[in-house]
Amino acid sequence: MVGEIKVEGKNVLFQLHGIDRILAIKSSLKVPVEHIIDVSTERADWQAFKQLKLAGSNIPGVVKDGRYYSPKDGWLFYEMHDPDKCVTVTLKDEKYNRIIFEVQDKEESANKLRKLIQS
């Protein structure tokens, strides 16, 4: 199931749906627009065995939801079933260094976020 990215004033809401809310142990993330420093549509990497899962679910090739720690990248939040449909949002001054989030149309979502951080 894909998530949804919404703009609410000066914040971006990453909304999880369906079973992903249970698998990620989280229903949404809210991030101030000024904390977003980059948005990428490159294919996400499962990185099996390179990250420590702290809360969530990981069945390689099926689902990766929740909070992870990577010695290289720090704290990460995943909502992913298909790594080709994800946007990766790089953050500053937040709990997570990156949010890797599956959406229906990654190019449209990424362009919307890029316009927000440029204005």
C-alpha atoms as a PDB file:
ATOM      1  CA  MET A   1       0.000   0.000   0.000  1.00  0.00           C
ATOM      2  CA  VAL A   2       1.401   3.417  -0.921  1.00  0.00           C
ATOM      3  CA  GLY A   3       1.568   6.424   1.354  1.00  0.00           C
ATOM      4  CA  GLU A   4       0.454   9.969   0.722  1.00  0.00           C
ATOM      5  CA  ILE A   5       2.385  13.222   1.008  1.00  0.00           C
ATOM      6  CA  LYS A   6       0.318  16.299   1.924  1.00  0.00           C
ATOM      7  CA  VAL A   7       1.244  19.924   2.465  1.00  0.00           C
ATOM      8  CA  GLU A   8      -0.310  21.471   5.563  1.00  0.00           C
ATOM      9  CA  GLY A   9       0.718  25.105   5.843  1.00  0.00           C
ATOM     10  CA  LYS A  10       4.468  25.185   6.507  1.00  0.00           C
ATOM     11  CA  ASN A  11       4.634  21.434   7.158  1.00  0.00           C
ATOM     12  CA  VAL A  12       4.741  18.294   5.042  1.00  0.00           C
ATOM     13  CA  LEU A  13       2.710  15.333   6.297  1.00  0.00           C
ATOM     14  CA  PHE A  14       3.796  11.820   5.309  1.00  0.00           C
ATOM     15  CA  GLN A  15       0.623   9.768   5.820  1.00  0.00           C
ATOM     16  CA  LEU A  16       0.734   5.968   6.001  1.00  0.00           C
ATOM     17  CA  HIS A  17      -2.327   3.914   5.070  1.00  0.00           C
ATOM     18  CA  GLY A  18      -3.737   0.469   5.782  1.00  0.00           C
ATOM     19  CA  ILE A  19      -1.507  -2.270   7.153  1.00  0.00           C
ATOM     20  CA  ASP A  20       1.566  -0.030   6.858  1.00  0.00           C
ATOM     21  CA  ARG A  21       0.363   1.941   9.887  1.00  0.00           C
ATOM     22  CA  ILE A  22       0.688  -1.240  11.928  1.00  0.00           C
ATOM     23  CA  LEU A  23       3.894  -2.500  10.293  1.00  0.00           C
ATOM     24  CA  ALA A  24       5.670   0.852  10.751  1.00  0.00           C
ATOM     25  CA  ILE A  25       4.231   1.366  14.235  1.00  0.00           C
ATOM     26  CA  LYS A  26       3.412   4.905  13.075  1.00  0.00           C
ATOM     27  CA  SER A  27       0.537   6.501  11.182  1.00  0.00           C
ATOM     28  CA  SER A  28       2.207   9.707  10.005  1.00  0.00           C
ATOM     29  CA  LEU A  29       5.261  11.953  10.137  1.00  0.00           C
ATOM     30  CA  LYS A  30       5.114  15.757  10.101  1.00  0.00           C
ATOM     31  CA  VAL A  31       8.160  17.735   8.962  1.00  0.00           C
ATOM     32  CA  PRO A  32       8.573  21.517   8.618  1.00  0.00           C
ATOM     33  CA  VAL A  33       9.265  22.483   5.000  1.00  0.00           C
ATOM     34  CA  GLU A  34      12.431  24.362   6.035  1.00  0.00           C
ATOM     35  CA  HIS A  35      13.914  21.087   7.345  1.00  0.00           C
ATOM     36  CA  ILE A  36      13.794  19.438   3.905  1.00  0.00           C
ATOM     37  CA  ILE A  37      17.133  19.858   2.125  1.00  0.00           C
ATOM     38  CA  ASP A  38      16.865  17.423  -0.782  1.00  0.00           C
ATOM     39  CA  VAL A  39      14.410  15.167  -2.609  1.00  0.00           C
ATOM     40  CA  SER A  40      15.469  12.208  -4.758  1.00  0.00           C
ATOM     41  CA  THR A  41      13.581   9.757  -6.971  1.00  0.00           C
ATOM     42  CA  GLU A  42      16.491   7.314  -7.325  1.00  0.00           C
ATOM     43  CA  ARG A  43      15.651   3.680  -6.658  1.00  0.00           C
ATOM     44  CA  ALA A  44      15.677   2.973  -2.929  1.00  0.00           C
ATOM     45  CA  ASP A  45      17.978   0.249  -1.626  1.00  0.00           C
ATOM     46  CA  TRP A  46      16.747  -2.480   0.740  1.00  0.00           C
ATOM     47  CA  GLN A  47      20.217  -2.645   2.344  1.00  0.00           C
ATOM     48  CA  ALA A  48      19.478  -5.922   4.052  1.00  0.00           C
ATOM     49  CA  PHE A  49      21.763  -6.504   7.048  1.00  0.00           C
ATOM     50  CA  LYS A  50      23.343  -3.021   6.764  1.00  0.00           C
ATOM     51  CA  GLN A  51      20.774  -1.320   8.999  1.00  0.00           C
ATOM     52  CA  LEU A  52      19.446  -1.965  12.459  1.00  0.00           C
ATOM     53  CA  LYS A  53      15.645  -2.176  12.650  1.00  0.00           C
ATOM     54  CA  LEU A  54      14.416  -0.511  15.818  1.00  0.00           C
ATOM     55  CA  ALA A  55      10.662  -0.434  15.284  1.00  0.00           C
ATOM     56  CA  GLY A  56       8.874  -1.759  12.248  1.00  0.00           C
ATOM     57  CA  SER A  57       8.896  -4.600   9.763  1.00  0.00           C
ATOM     58  CA  ASN A  58      11.298  -5.888   7.140  1.00  0.00           C
ATOM     59  CA  ILE A  59      10.663  -8.738   4.742  1.00  0.00           C
ATOM     60  CA  PRO A  60      13.244  -8.176   1.969  1.00  0.00           C
ATOM     61  CA  GLY A  61      11.585  -7.707  -1.399  1.00  0.00           C
ATOM     62  CA  VAL A  62       8.113  -7.441   0.190  1.00  0.00           C
ATOM     63  CA  VAL A  63       7.945  -4.643   2.787  1.00  0.00           C
ATOM     64  CA  LYS A  64      10.205  -2.338   4.766  1.00  0.00           C
ATOM     65  CA  ASP A  65       8.337  -0.079   7.183  1.00  0.00           C
ATOM     66  CA  GLY A  66       9.445   1.784  10.273  1.00  0.00           C
ATOM     67  CA  ARG A  67      12.549   3.137  11.997  1.00  0.00           C
ATOM     68  CA  TYR A  68      16.044   2.017  11.116  1.00  0.00           C
ATOM     69  CA  TYR A  69      19.547   3.039  12.054  1.00  0.00           C
ATOM     70  CA  SER A  70      22.443   2.965   9.605  1.00  0.00           C
ATOM     71  CA  PRO A  71      26.032   3.602  10.747  1.00  0.00           C
ATOM     72  CA  LYS A  72      26.573   5.438   7.463  1.00  0.00           C
ATOM     73  CA  ASP A  73      23.290   7.408   7.169  1.00  0.00           C
ATOM     74  CA  GLY A  74      22.008   7.721  10.747  1.00  0.00           C
ATOM     75  CA  TRP A  75      18.283   7.473  11.517  1.00  0.00           C
ATOM     76  CA  LEU A  76      15.995   6.534   8.616  1.00  0.00           C
ATOM     77  CA  PHE A  77      12.253   6.048   8.261  1.00  0.00           C
ATOM     78  CA  TYR A  78      10.922   3.660   5.601  1.00  0.00           C
ATOM     79  CA  GLU A  79       7.489   3.106   4.094  1.00  0.00           C
ATOM     80  CA  MET A  80       8.358   0.865   1.156  1.00  0.00           C
ATOM     81  CA  HIS A  81       7.027  -2.095  -0.772  1.00  0.00           C
ATOM     82  CA  ASP A  82       8.426  -1.215  -4.212  1.00  0.00           C
ATOM     83  CA  PRO A  83      11.809   0.574  -4.173  1.00  0.00           C
ATOM     84  CA  ASP A  84      11.122   1.946  -7.671  1.00  0.00           C
ATOM     85  CA  LYS A  85       8.134   3.978  -6.403  1.00  0.00           C
ATOM     86  CA  CYS A  86       9.858   5.791  -3.530  1.00  0.00           C
ATOM     87  CA  VAL A  87      10.936   9.348  -2.930  1.00  0.00           C
ATOM     88  CA  THR A  88      13.856   9.884  -0.580  1.00  0.00           C
ATOM     89  CA  VAL A  89      13.601  13.079   1.447  1.00  0.00           C
ATOM     90  CA  THR A  90      16.808  14.260   3.130  1.00  0.00           C
ATOM     91  CA  LEU A  91      16.277  16.288   6.297  1.00  0.00           C
ATOM     92  CA  LYS A  92      18.165  18.560   8.680  1.00  0.00           C
ATOM     93  CA  ASP A  93      17.410  19.228  12.347  1.00  0.00           C
ATOM     94  CA  GLU A  94      15.007  16.274  12.543  1.00  0.00           C
ATOM     95  CA  LYS A  95      14.874  12.907  14.294  1.00  0.00           C
ATOM     96  CA  TYR A  96      15.347  11.156  10.931  1.00  0.00           C
ATOM     97  CA  ASN A  97      18.094  12.020   8.455  1.00  0.00           C
ATOM     98  CA  ARG A  98      16.021  10.574   5.617  1.00  0.00           C
ATOM     99  CA  ILE A  99      12.489   9.477   4.921  1.00  0.00           C
ATOM    100  CA  ILE A 100      12.157   6.847   2.202  1.00  0.00           C
ATOM    101  CA  PHE A 101       8.494   6.880   1.261  1.00  0.00           C
ATOM    102  CA  GLU A 102       6.524   5.004  -1.390  1.00  0.00           C
ATOM    103  CA  VAL A 103       3.919   7.040  -3.270  1.00  0.00           C
ATOM    104  CA  GLN A 104       1.628   6.529  -6.242  1.00  0.00           C
ATOM    105  CA  ASP A 105       3.554   8.952  -8.505  1.00  0.00           C
ATOM    106  CA  LYS A 106       7.078   9.601  -7.273  1.00  0.00           C
ATOM    107  CA  GLU A 107       7.916  12.220  -9.921  1.00  0.00           C
ATOM    108  CA  GLU A 108       4.814  14.286  -9.106  1.00  0.00           C
ATOM    109  CA  SER A 109       5.451  14.028  -5.356  1.00  0.00           C
ATOM    110  CA  ALA A 110       9.136  14.902  -5.730  1.00  0.00           C
ATOM    111  CA  ASN A 111       8.375  17.910  -7.943  1.00  0.00           C
ATOM    112  CA  LYS A 112       5.798  19.181  -5.432  1.00  0.00           C
ATOM    113  CA  LEU A 113       8.353  18.927  -2.610  1.00  0.00           C
ATOM    114  CA  ARG A 114      11.135  20.529  -4.688  1.00  0.00           C
ATOM    115  CA  LYS A 115       8.909  23.514  -5.467  1.00  0.00           C
ATOM    116  CA  LEU A 116       8.144  23.908  -1.768  1.00  0.00           C
ATOM    117  CA  ILE A 117      11.780  23.949  -0.679  1.00  0.00           C
ATOM    118  CA  GLN A 118      12.755  26.368  -3.455  1.00  0.00           C
ATOM    119  CA  SER A 119      10.169  28.982  -2.491  1.00  0.00           C
END
